[in-house]
């Protein structure tokens, strides 16, 4: 009888809540997921960075070369993915929007 009680009234662990965030950069959309809203935002930003870094920056006026100095690369390493997405979008004149989907 105890086995039927266990089956019927078994231990129920709460299902971990997963947050989803939709990040829009220009016309591109990226979906991030995580156990917190912030983790989902970072996941979406990481996906966006991977895609945006592979796209060429549109040319306006003559700009400095794309080669980054060692100091700039170190500075970028200290920034969050979210900050880097905003910086890249600003350089490309693209709108950025985060929307949390629970």
PDB file of N, CA and C in Angstrom:
ATOM      1  N   UNK A   1       0.819  -1.190   0.000  1.00  0.00           N
ATOM      2  CA  UNK A   1       0.000   0.000   0.000  1.00  0.00           C
ATOM      3  C   UNK A   1       0.864   1.255   0.000  1.00  0.00           C
ATOM      4  N   UNK A   2       1.965   1.178   0.642  1.00  0.00           N
ATOM      5  CA  UNK A   2       2.807   2.361   0.692  1.00  0.00           C
ATOM      6  C   UNK A   2       3.307   2.749  -0.699  1.00  0.00           C
ATOM      7  N   UNK A   3       3.531   1.769  -1.580  1.00  0.00           N
ATOM      8  CA  UNK A   3       3.986   2.107  -2.926  1.00  0.00           C
ATOM      9  C   UNK A   3       2.900   2.819  -3.726  1.00  0.00           C
ATOM     10  N   UNK A   4       1.623   2.452  -3.508  1.00  0.00           N
ATOM     11  CA  UNK A   4       0.555   3.151  -4.225  1.00  0.00           C
ATOM     12  C   UNK A   4       0.383   4.573  -3.692  1.00  0.00           C
ATOM     13  N   UNK A   5       0.618   4.759  -2.394  1.00  0.00           N
ATOM     14  CA  UNK A   5       0.552   6.117  -1.835  1.00  0.00           C
ATOM     15  C   UNK A   5       1.657   6.989  -2.411  1.00  0.00           C
ATOM     16  N   UNK A   6       2.828   6.401  -2.538  1.00  0.00           N
ATOM     17  CA  UNK A   6       3.948   7.157  -3.087  1.00  0.00           C
ATOM     18  C   UNK A   6       3.666   7.538  -4.535  1.00  0.00           C
ATOM     19  N   UNK A   7       3.089   6.615  -5.282  1.00  0.00           N
ATOM     20  CA  UNK A   7       2.790   6.899  -6.680  1.00  0.00           C
ATOM     21  C   UNK A   7       1.726   7.980  -6.803  1.00  0.00           C
ATOM     22  N   UNK A   8       0.723   7.906  -5.941  1.00  0.00           N
ATOM     23  CA  UNK A   8      -0.368   8.867  -6.012  1.00  0.00           C
ATOM     24  C   UNK A   8       0.018  10.218  -5.403  1.00  0.00           C
ATOM     25  N   UNK A   9       0.733  10.158  -4.299  1.00  0.00           N
ATOM     26  CA  UNK A   9       1.076  11.374  -3.570  1.00  0.00           C
ATOM     27  C   UNK A   9       2.583  11.596  -3.576  1.00  0.00           C
ATOM     28  N   UNK A  10       3.204  11.255  -4.662  1.00  0.00           N
ATOM     29  CA  UNK A  10       4.654  11.349  -4.740  1.00  0.00           C
ATOM     30  C   UNK A  10       5.160  12.754  -4.458  1.00  0.00           C
ATOM     31  N   UNK A  11       6.433  12.824  -4.259  1.00  0.00           N
ATOM     32  CA  UNK A  11       7.045  14.123  -3.992  1.00  0.00           C
ATOM     33  C   UNK A  11       7.038  14.939  -5.271  1.00  0.00           C
ATOM     34  N   UNK A  12       6.562  16.126  -5.146  1.00  0.00           N
ATOM     35  CA  UNK A  12       6.514  17.016  -6.309  1.00  0.00           C
ATOM     36  C   UNK A  12       7.488  18.157  -6.085  1.00  0.00           C
ATOM     37  N   UNK A  13       8.429  18.244  -6.957  1.00  0.00           N
ATOM     38  CA  UNK A  13       9.378  19.343  -6.886  1.00  0.00           C
ATOM     39  C   UNK A  13       8.869  20.452  -7.786  1.00  0.00           C
ATOM     40  N   UNK A  14       9.036  21.679  -7.363  1.00  0.00           N
ATOM     41  CA  UNK A  14       8.565  22.768  -8.222  1.00  0.00           C
ATOM     42  C   UNK A  14       9.350  22.784  -9.533  1.00  0.00           C
ATOM     43  N   UNK A  15       8.649  22.973 -10.601  1.00  0.00           N
ATOM     44  CA  UNK A  15       9.288  23.063 -11.906  1.00  0.00           C
ATOM     45  C   UNK A  15      10.014  24.403 -11.958  1.00  0.00           C
ATOM     46  N   UNK A  16      11.313  24.380 -12.274  1.00  0.00           N
ATOM     47  CA  UNK A  16      12.029  25.657 -12.301  1.00  0.00           C
ATOM     48  C   UNK A  16      11.437  26.578 -13.365  1.00  0.00           C
ATOM     49  N   UNK A  17      11.235  27.826 -12.990  1.00  0.00           N
ATOM     50  CA  UNK A  17      10.655  28.802 -13.908  1.00  0.00           C
ATOM     51  C   UNK A  17      11.737  29.251 -14.890  1.00  0.00           C
ATOM     52  N   UNK A  18      11.395  29.278 -16.132  1.00  0.00           N
ATOM     53  CA  UNK A  18      12.309  29.740 -17.169  1.00  0.00           C
ATOM     54  C   UNK A  18      11.749  31.040 -17.733  1.00  0.00           C
ATOM     55  N   UNK A  19      12.602  32.047 -17.804  1.00  0.00           N
ATOM     56  CA  UNK A  19      12.216  33.325 -18.389  1.00  0.00           C
ATOM     57  C   UNK A  19      12.723  33.376 -19.823  1.00  0.00           C
ATOM     58  N   UNK A  20      11.933  33.979 -20.665  1.00  0.00           N
ATOM     59  CA  UNK A  20      12.308  34.178 -22.060  1.00  0.00           C
ATOM     60  C   UNK A  20      12.309  35.668 -22.341  1.00  0.00           C
ATOM     61  N   UNK A  21      13.304  36.117 -23.095  1.00  0.00           N
ATOM     62  CA  UNK A  21      13.413  37.523 -23.462  1.00  0.00           C
ATOM     63  C   UNK A  21      13.588  37.598 -24.966  1.00  0.00           C
ATOM     64  N   UNK A  22      12.845  38.493 -25.576  1.00  0.00           N
ATOM     65  CA  UNK A  22      12.995  38.743 -27.003  1.00  0.00           C
ATOM     66  C   UNK A  22      13.769  40.041 -27.154  1.00  0.00           C
ATOM     67  N   UNK A  23      14.914  39.969 -27.805  1.00  0.00           N
ATOM     68  CA  UNK A  23      15.758  41.132 -28.064  1.00  0.00           C
ATOM     69  C   UNK A  23      15.643  41.471 -29.535  1.00  0.00           C
ATOM     70  N   UNK A  24      15.284  42.700 -29.814  1.00  0.00           N
ATOM     71  CA  UNK A  24      15.189  43.164 -31.194  1.00  0.00           C
ATOM     72  C   UNK A  24      16.284  44.190 -31.430  1.00  0.00           C
ATOM     73  N   UNK A  25      17.102  43.940 -32.444  1.00  0.00           N
ATOM     74  CA  UNK A  25      18.145  44.879 -32.853  1.00  0.00           C
ATOM     75  C   UNK A  25      17.909  45.142 -34.328  1.00  0.00           C
ATOM     76  N   UNK A  26      17.418  46.341 -34.629  1.00  0.00           N
ATOM     77  CA  UNK A  26      17.037  46.630 -36.003  1.00  0.00           C
ATOM     78  C   UNK A  26      15.904  45.707 -36.400  1.00  0.00           C
ATOM     79  N   UNK A  27      16.100  44.940 -37.468  1.00  0.00           N
ATOM     80  CA  UNK A  27      15.057  44.015 -37.921  1.00  0.00           C
ATOM     81  C   UNK A  27      15.326  42.573 -37.474  1.00  0.00           C
ATOM     82  N   UNK A  28      16.384  42.363 -36.707  1.00  0.00           N
ATOM     83  CA  UNK A  28      16.735  41.014 -36.237  1.00  0.00           C
ATOM     84  C   UNK A  28      16.187  40.773 -34.838  1.00  0.00           C
ATOM     85  N   UNK A  29      15.731  39.548 -34.601  1.00  0.00           N
ATOM     86  CA  UNK A  29      15.210  39.173 -33.289  1.00  0.00           C
ATOM     87  C   UNK A  29      16.015  38.004 -32.731  1.00  0.00           C
ATOM     88  N   UNK A  30      16.252  38.065 -31.432  1.00  0.00           N
ATOM     89  CA  UNK A  30      17.005  37.026 -30.739  1.00  0.00           C
ATOM     90  C   UNK A  30      16.233  36.655 -29.479  1.00  0.00           C
ATOM     91  N   UNK A  31      16.089  35.364 -29.234  1.00  0.00           N
ATOM     92  CA  UNK A  31      15.373  34.882 -28.054  1.00  0.00           C
ATOM     93  C   UNK A  31      16.397  34.328 -27.071  1.00  0.00           C
ATOM     94  N   UNK A  32      16.331  34.830 -25.845  1.00  0.00           N
ATOM     95  CA  UNK A  32      17.204  34.339 -24.784  1.00  0.00           C
ATOM     96  C   UNK A  32      16.369  33.671 -23.715  1.00  0.00           C
ATOM     97  N   UNK A  33      16.972  32.742 -23.003  1.00  0.00           N
ATOM     98  CA  UNK A  33      16.267  32.089 -21.905  1.00  0.00           C
ATOM     99  C   UNK A  33      17.200  31.966 -20.720  1.00  0.00           C
ATOM    100  N   UNK A  34      16.596  31.949 -19.532  1.00  0.00           N
ATOM    101  CA  UNK A  34      17.393  31.835 -18.317  1.00  0.00           C
ATOM    102  C   UNK A  34      16.506  31.649 -17.108  1.00  0.00           C
ATOM    103  N   UNK A  35      17.125  31.335 -15.989  1.00  0.00           N
ATOM    104  CA  UNK A  35      16.369  31.099 -14.759  1.00  0.00           C
ATOM    105  C   UNK A  35      15.930  32.400 -14.101  1.00  0.00           C
ATOM    106  N   UNK A  36      16.516  33.531 -14.543  1.00  0.00           N
ATOM    107  CA  UNK A  36      16.092  34.853 -14.076  1.00  0.00           C
ATOM    108  C   UNK A  36      15.900  35.739 -15.297  1.00  0.00           C
ATOM    109  N   UNK A  37      15.205  36.861 -15.096  1.00  0.00           N
ATOM    110  CA  UNK A  37      15.027  37.797 -16.214  1.00  0.00           C
ATOM    111  C   UNK A  37      16.384  38.282 -16.718  1.00  0.00           C
ATOM    112  N   UNK A  38      17.271  38.589 -15.780  1.00  0.00           N
ATOM    113  CA  UNK A  38      18.585  39.106 -16.162  1.00  0.00           C
ATOM    114  C   UNK A  38      19.387  38.060 -16.930  1.00  0.00           C
ATOM    115  N   UNK A  39      19.326  36.810 -16.502  1.00  0.00           N
ATOM    116  CA  UNK A  39      20.041  35.742 -17.209  1.00  0.00           C
ATOM    117  C   UNK A  39      19.491  35.584 -18.624  1.00  0.00           C
ATOM    118  N   UNK A  40      18.193  35.707 -18.788  1.00  0.00           N
ATOM    119  CA  UNK A  40      17.577  35.612 -20.115  1.00  0.00           C
ATOM    120  C   UNK A  40      18.008  36.786 -20.990  1.00  0.00           C
ATOM    121  N   UNK A  41      18.087  37.988 -20.399  1.00  0.00           N
ATOM    122  CA  UNK A  41      18.550  39.166 -21.156  1.00  0.00           C
ATOM    123  C   UNK A  41      19.984  38.969 -21.630  1.00  0.00           C
ATOM    124  N   UNK A  42      20.840  38.458 -20.743  1.00  0.00           N
ATOM    125  CA  UNK A  42      22.235  38.229 -21.114  1.00  0.00           C
ATOM    126  C   UNK A  42      22.349  37.157 -22.190  1.00  0.00           C
ATOM    127  N   UNK A  43      21.527  36.117 -22.112  1.00  0.00           N
ATOM    128  CA  UNK A  43      21.549  35.057 -23.107  1.00  0.00           C
ATOM    129  C   UNK A  43      21.150  35.594 -24.480  1.00  0.00           C
ATOM    130  N   UNK A  44      20.106  36.413 -24.520  1.00  0.00           N
ATOM    131  CA  UNK A  44      19.673  37.014 -25.789  1.00  0.00           C
ATOM    132  C   UNK A  44      20.751  37.950 -26.328  1.00  0.00           C
ATOM    133  N   UNK A  45      21.362  38.732 -25.447  1.00  0.00           N
ATOM    134  CA  UNK A  45      22.410  39.667 -25.874  1.00  0.00           C
ATOM    135  C   UNK A  45      23.621  38.917 -26.417  1.00  0.00           C
ATOM    136  N   UNK A  46      23.974  37.793 -25.804  1.00  0.00           N
ATOM    137  CA  UNK A  46      25.097  36.993 -26.276  1.00  0.00           C
ATOM    138  C   UNK A  46      24.831  36.488 -27.697  1.00  0.00           C
ATOM    139  N   UNK A  47      23.608  36.027 -27.945  1.00  0.00           N
ATOM    140  CA  UNK A  47      23.246  35.560 -29.289  1.00  0.00           C
ATOM    141  C   UNK A  47      23.306  36.705 -30.295  1.00  0.00           C
ATOM    142  N   UNK A  48      22.836  37.876 -29.882  1.00  0.00           N
ATOM    143  CA  UNK A  48      22.863  39.043 -30.768  1.00  0.00           C
ATOM    144  C   UNK A  48      24.298  39.445 -31.079  1.00  0.00           C
ATOM    145  N   UNK A  49      25.166  39.432 -30.080  1.00  0.00           N
ATOM    146  CA  UNK A  49      26.571  39.790 -30.300  1.00  0.00           C
ATOM    147  C   UNK A  49      27.227  38.869 -31.312  1.00  0.00           C
ATOM    148  N   UNK A  50      26.961  37.579 -31.199  1.00  0.00           N
ATOM    149  CA  UNK A  50      27.551  36.625 -32.140  1.00  0.00           C
ATOM    150  C   UNK A  50      27.136  36.954 -33.570  1.00  0.00           C
ATOM    151  N   UNK A  51      25.880  37.324 -33.762  1.00  0.00           N
ATOM    152  CA  UNK A  51      25.395  37.646 -35.103  1.00  0.00           C
ATOM    153  C   UNK A  51      25.898  39.012 -35.565  1.00  0.00           C
ATOM    154  N   UNK A  52      25.849  40.008 -34.686  1.00  0.00           N
ATOM    155  CA  UNK A  52      26.216  41.370 -35.075  1.00  0.00           C
ATOM    156  C   UNK A  52      27.703  41.523 -35.362  1.00  0.00           C
ATOM    157  N   UNK A  53      28.523  40.777 -34.668  1.00  0.00           N
ATOM    158  CA  UNK A  53      29.971  40.891 -34.898  1.00  0.00           C
ATOM    159  C   UNK A  53      30.361  40.369 -36.268  1.00  0.00           C
ATOM    160  N   UNK A  54      29.537  39.523 -36.859  1.00  0.00           N
ATOM    161  CA  UNK A  54      29.830  38.976 -38.182  1.00  0.00           C
ATOM    162  C   UNK A  54      29.324  39.857 -39.313  1.00  0.00           C
ATOM    163  N   UNK A  55      28.500  40.857 -38.992  1.00  0.00           N
ATOM    164  CA  UNK A  55      27.976  41.748 -40.020  1.00  0.00           C
ATOM    165  C   UNK A  55      28.891  42.955 -40.176  1.00  0.00           C
ATOM    166  N   UNK A  56      29.086  43.400 -41.423  1.00  0.00           N
ATOM    167  CA  UNK A  56      29.919  44.591 -41.616  1.00  0.00           C
ATOM    168  C   UNK A  56      29.203  45.845 -41.122  1.00  0.00           C
ATOM    169  N   UNK A  57      29.993  46.798 -40.635  1.00  0.00           N
ATOM    170  CA  UNK A  57      29.434  48.081 -40.209  1.00  0.00           C
ATOM    171  C   UNK A  57      29.245  48.936 -41.453  1.00  0.00           C
ATOM    172  N   UNK A  58      28.049  49.507 -41.658  1.00  0.00           N
ATOM    173  CA  UNK A  58      27.838  50.353 -42.831  1.00  0.00           C
ATOM    174  C   UNK A  58      28.749  51.573 -42.784  1.00  0.00           C
ATOM    175  N   UNK A  59      29.287  51.925 -43.931  1.00  0.00           N
ATOM    176  CA  UNK A  59      30.209  53.058 -44.016  1.00  0.00           C
ATOM    177  C   UNK A  59      29.442  54.361 -44.154  1.00  0.00           C
ATOM    178  N   UNK A  60      29.824  55.348 -43.365  1.00  0.00           N
ATOM    179  CA  UNK A  60      29.253  56.697 -43.480  1.00  0.00           C
ATOM    180  C   UNK A  60      30.365  57.590 -44.006  1.00  0.00           C
ATOM    181  N   UNK A  61      31.018  58.237 -43.096  1.00  0.00           N
ATOM    182  CA  UNK A  61      32.168  59.071 -43.436  1.00  0.00           C
ATOM    183  C   UNK A  61      33.418  58.253 -43.148  1.00  0.00           C
ATOM    184  N   UNK A  62      34.570  58.720 -43.601  1.00  0.00           N
ATOM    185  CA  UNK A  62      35.792  57.977 -43.284  1.00  0.00           C
ATOM    186  C   UNK A  62      35.946  57.838 -41.771  1.00  0.00           C
ATOM    187  N   UNK A  63      36.111  56.610 -41.347  1.00  0.00           N
ATOM    188  CA  UNK A  63      36.262  56.338 -39.922  1.00  0.00           C
ATOM    189  C   UNK A  63      37.592  55.655 -39.701  1.00  0.00           C
ATOM    190  N   UNK A  64      37.935  55.537 -38.446  1.00  0.00           N
ATOM    191  CA  UNK A  64      39.180  54.843 -38.145  1.00  0.00           C
ATOM    192  C   UNK A  64      39.022  53.372 -38.517  1.00  0.00           C
ATOM    193  N   UNK A  65      40.099  52.683 -38.630  1.00  0.00           N
ATOM    194  CA  UNK A  65      40.030  51.276 -39.019  1.00  0.00           C
ATOM    195  C   UNK A  65      39.358  50.460 -37.938  1.00  0.00           C
ATOM    196  N   UNK A  66      38.931  49.287 -38.309  1.00  0.00           N
ATOM    197  CA  UNK A  66      38.211  48.417 -37.388  1.00  0.00           C
ATOM    198  C   UNK A  66      39.140  47.721 -36.397  1.00  0.00           C
ATOM    199  N   UNK A  67      40.430  47.871 -36.578  1.00  0.00           N
ATOM    200  CA  UNK A  67      41.358  47.245 -35.640  1.00  0.00           C
ATOM    201  C   UNK A  67      41.222  47.916 -34.286  1.00  0.00           C
ATOM    202  N   UNK A  68      41.055  47.108 -33.270  1.00  0.00           N
ATOM    203  CA  UNK A  68      40.924  47.649 -31.920  1.00  0.00           C
ATOM    204  C   UNK A  68      42.269  47.585 -31.221  1.00  0.00           C
ATOM    205  N   UNK A  69      42.506  48.595 -30.416  1.00  0.00           N
ATOM    206  CA  UNK A  69      43.723  48.571 -29.616  1.00  0.00           C
ATOM    207  C   UNK A  69      43.553  47.563 -28.490  1.00  0.00           C
ATOM    208  N   UNK A  70      44.656  47.205 -27.883  1.00  0.00           N
ATOM    209  CA  UNK A  70      44.603  46.245 -26.776  1.00  0.00           C
ATOM    210  C   UNK A  70      43.785  46.804 -25.609  1.00  0.00           C
ATOM    211  N   UNK A  71      43.888  48.112 -25.375  1.00  0.00           N
ATOM    212  CA  UNK A  71      43.132  48.750 -24.283  1.00  0.00           C
ATOM    213  C   UNK A  71      41.634  48.675 -24.551  1.00  0.00           C
ATOM    214  N   UNK A  72      41.217  48.877 -25.819  1.00  0.00           N
ATOM    215  CA  UNK A  72      39.795  48.804 -26.166  1.00  0.00           C
ATOM    216  C   UNK A  72      39.261  47.386 -25.986  1.00  0.00           C
ATOM    217  N   UNK A  73      40.048  46.383 -26.378  1.00  0.00           N
ATOM    218  CA  UNK A  73      39.607  45.001 -26.228  1.00  0.00           C
ATOM    219  C   UNK A  73      39.475  44.623 -24.760  1.00  0.00           C
ATOM    220  N   UNK A  74      40.385  45.113 -23.928  1.00  0.00           N
ATOM    221  CA  UNK A  74      40.293  44.858 -22.491  1.00  0.00           C
ATOM    222  C   UNK A  74      39.065  45.532 -21.923  1.00  0.00           C
ATOM    223  N   UNK A  75      38.795  46.755 -22.390  1.00  0.00           N
ATOM    224  CA  UNK A  75      37.616  47.488 -21.927  1.00  0.00           C
ATOM    225  C   UNK A  75      36.345  46.735 -22.309  1.00  0.00           C
ATOM    226  N   UNK A  76      36.278  46.208 -23.526  1.00  0.00           N
ATOM    227  CA  UNK A  76      35.115  45.437 -23.976  1.00  0.00           C
ATOM    228  C   UNK A  76      34.937  44.172 -23.143  1.00  0.00           C
ATOM    229  N   UNK A  77      36.031  43.556 -22.732  1.00  0.00           N
ATOM    230  CA  UNK A  77      35.949  42.326 -21.947  1.00  0.00           C
ATOM    231  C   UNK A  77      35.303  42.583 -20.586  1.00  0.00           C
ATOM    232  N   UNK A  78      35.393  43.817 -20.103  1.00  0.00           N
ATOM    233  CA  UNK A  78      34.816  44.161 -18.802  1.00  0.00           C
ATOM    234  C   UNK A  78      33.356  44.571 -18.895  1.00  0.00           C
ATOM    235  N   UNK A  79      32.837  44.724 -20.101  1.00  0.00           N
ATOM    236  CA  UNK A  79      31.454  45.172 -20.289  1.00  0.00           C
ATOM    237  C   UNK A  79      30.523  43.972 -20.410  1.00  0.00           C
ATOM    238  N   UNK A  80      29.274  44.176 -20.029  1.00  0.00           N
ATOM    239  CA  UNK A  80      28.289  43.104 -20.168  1.00  0.00           C
ATOM    240  C   UNK A  80      27.891  42.963 -21.635  1.00  0.00           C
ATOM    241  N   UNK A  81      27.320  41.807 -21.946  1.00  0.00           N
ATOM    242  CA  UNK A  81      26.838  41.577 -23.311  1.00  0.00           C
ATOM    243  C   UNK A  81      25.788  42.611 -23.687  1.00  0.00           C
ATOM    244  N   UNK A  82      24.968  42.985 -22.723  1.00  0.00           N
ATOM    245  CA  UNK A  82      23.897  43.947 -22.986  1.00  0.00           C
ATOM    246  C   UNK A  82      24.482  45.295 -23.383  1.00  0.00           C
ATOM    247  N   UNK A  83      25.502  45.757 -22.668  1.00  0.00           N
ATOM    248  CA  UNK A  83      26.150  47.029 -22.996  1.00  0.00           C
ATOM    249  C   UNK A  83      26.769  46.986 -24.385  1.00  0.00           C
ATOM    250  N   UNK A  84      27.410  45.873 -24.704  1.00  0.00           N
ATOM    251  CA  UNK A  84      28.051  45.746 -26.011  1.00  0.00           C
ATOM    252  C   UNK A  84      27.029  45.762 -27.144  1.00  0.00           C
ATOM    253  N   UNK A  85      25.874  45.130 -26.936  1.00  0.00           N
ATOM    254  CA  UNK A  85      24.821  45.157 -27.954  1.00  0.00           C
ATOM    255  C   UNK A  85      24.370  46.595 -28.192  1.00  0.00           C
ATOM    256  N   UNK A  86      24.151  47.345 -27.109  1.00  0.00           N
ATOM    257  CA  UNK A  86      23.740  48.742 -27.261  1.00  0.00           C
ATOM    258  C   UNK A  86      24.801  49.554 -28.001  1.00  0.00           C
ATOM    259  N   UNK A  87      26.076  49.329 -27.713  1.00  0.00           N
ATOM    260  CA  UNK A  87      27.143  50.071 -28.391  1.00  0.00           C
ATOM    261  C   UNK A  87      27.187  49.756 -29.880  1.00  0.00           C
ATOM    262  N   UNK A  88      27.099  48.475 -30.220  1.00  0.00           N
ATOM    263  CA  UNK A  88      27.131  48.090 -31.636  1.00  0.00           C
ATOM    264  C   UNK A  88      25.916  48.661 -32.363  1.00  0.00           C
ATOM    265  N   UNK A  89      24.751  48.580 -31.734  1.00  0.00           N
ATOM    266  CA  UNK A  89      23.534  49.110 -32.356  1.00  0.00           C
ATOM    267  C   UNK A  89      23.638  50.618 -32.558  1.00  0.00           C
ATOM    268  N   UNK A  90      24.224  51.318 -31.599  1.00  0.00           N
ATOM    269  CA  UNK A  90      24.390  52.766 -31.722  1.00  0.00           C
ATOM    270  C   UNK A  90      25.288  53.105 -32.904  1.00  0.00           C
ATOM    271  N   UNK A  91      26.397  52.367 -33.062  1.00  0.00           N
ATOM    272  CA  UNK A  91      27.312  52.594 -34.183  1.00  0.00           C
ATOM    273  C   UNK A  91      26.617  52.365 -35.522  1.00  0.00           C
ATOM    274  N   UNK A  92      25.650  51.457 -35.536  1.00  0.00           N
ATOM    275  CA  UNK A  92      24.958  51.110 -36.786  1.00  0.00           C
ATOM    276  C   UNK A  92      23.605  51.793 -36.916  1.00  0.00           C
ATOM    277  N   UNK A  93      23.298  52.663 -35.956  1.00  0.00           N
ATOM    278  CA  UNK A  93      22.036  53.414 -35.963  1.00  0.00           C
ATOM    279  C   UNK A  93      20.826  52.474 -35.993  1.00  0.00           C
ATOM    280  N   UNK A  94      20.867  51.435 -35.159  1.00  0.00           N
ATOM    281  CA  UNK A  94      19.783  50.454 -35.080  1.00  0.00           C
ATOM    282  C   UNK A  94      19.058  50.589 -33.743  1.00  0.00           C
ATOM    283  N   UNK A  95      17.737  50.479 -33.753  1.00  0.00           N
ATOM    284  CA  UNK A  95      17.003  50.496 -32.477  1.00  0.00           C
ATOM    285  C   UNK A  95      17.182  49.165 -31.739  1.00  0.00           C
ATOM    286  N   UNK A  96      17.149  49.227 -30.408  1.00  0.00           N
ATOM    287  CA  UNK A  96      17.295  48.038 -29.565  1.00  0.00           C
ATOM    288  C   UNK A  96      16.114  47.978 -28.612  1.00  0.00           C
ATOM    289  N   UNK A  97      15.548  46.782 -28.445  1.00  0.00           N
ATOM    290  CA  UNK A  97      14.451  46.622 -27.496  1.00  0.00           C
ATOM    291  C   UNK A  97      14.461  45.246 -26.866  1.00  0.00           C
ATOM    292  N   UNK A  98      14.275  45.200 -25.549  1.00  0.00           N
ATOM    293  CA  UNK A  98      14.160  43.943 -24.818  1.00  0.00           C
ATOM    294  C   UNK A  98      12.721  43.790 -24.371  1.00  0.00           C
ATOM    295  N   UNK A  99      12.165  42.595 -24.529  1.00  0.00           N
ATOM    296  CA  UNK A  99      10.811  42.313 -24.053  1.00  0.00           C
ATOM    297  C   UNK A  99      10.831  40.974 -23.330  1.00  0.00           C
ATOM    298  N   UNK A 100      10.439  40.993 -22.055  1.00  0.00           N
ATOM    299  CA  UNK A 100      10.428  39.767 -21.257  1.00  0.00           C
ATOM    300  C   UNK A 100       9.169  38.980 -21.561  1.00  0.00           C
ATOM    301  N   UNK A 101       9.343  37.696 -21.841  1.00  0.00           N
ATOM    302  CA  UNK A 101       8.232  36.769 -22.085  1.00  0.00           C
ATOM    303  C   UNK A 101       8.307  35.712 -20.996  1.00  0.00           C
ATOM    304  N   UNK A 102       7.340  35.670 -20.135  1.00  0.00           N
ATOM    305  CA  UNK A 102       7.390  34.709 -19.025  1.00  0.00           C
ATOM    306  C   UNK A 102       6.810  33.383 -19.464  1.00  0.00           C
TER     307      UNK A 102
END
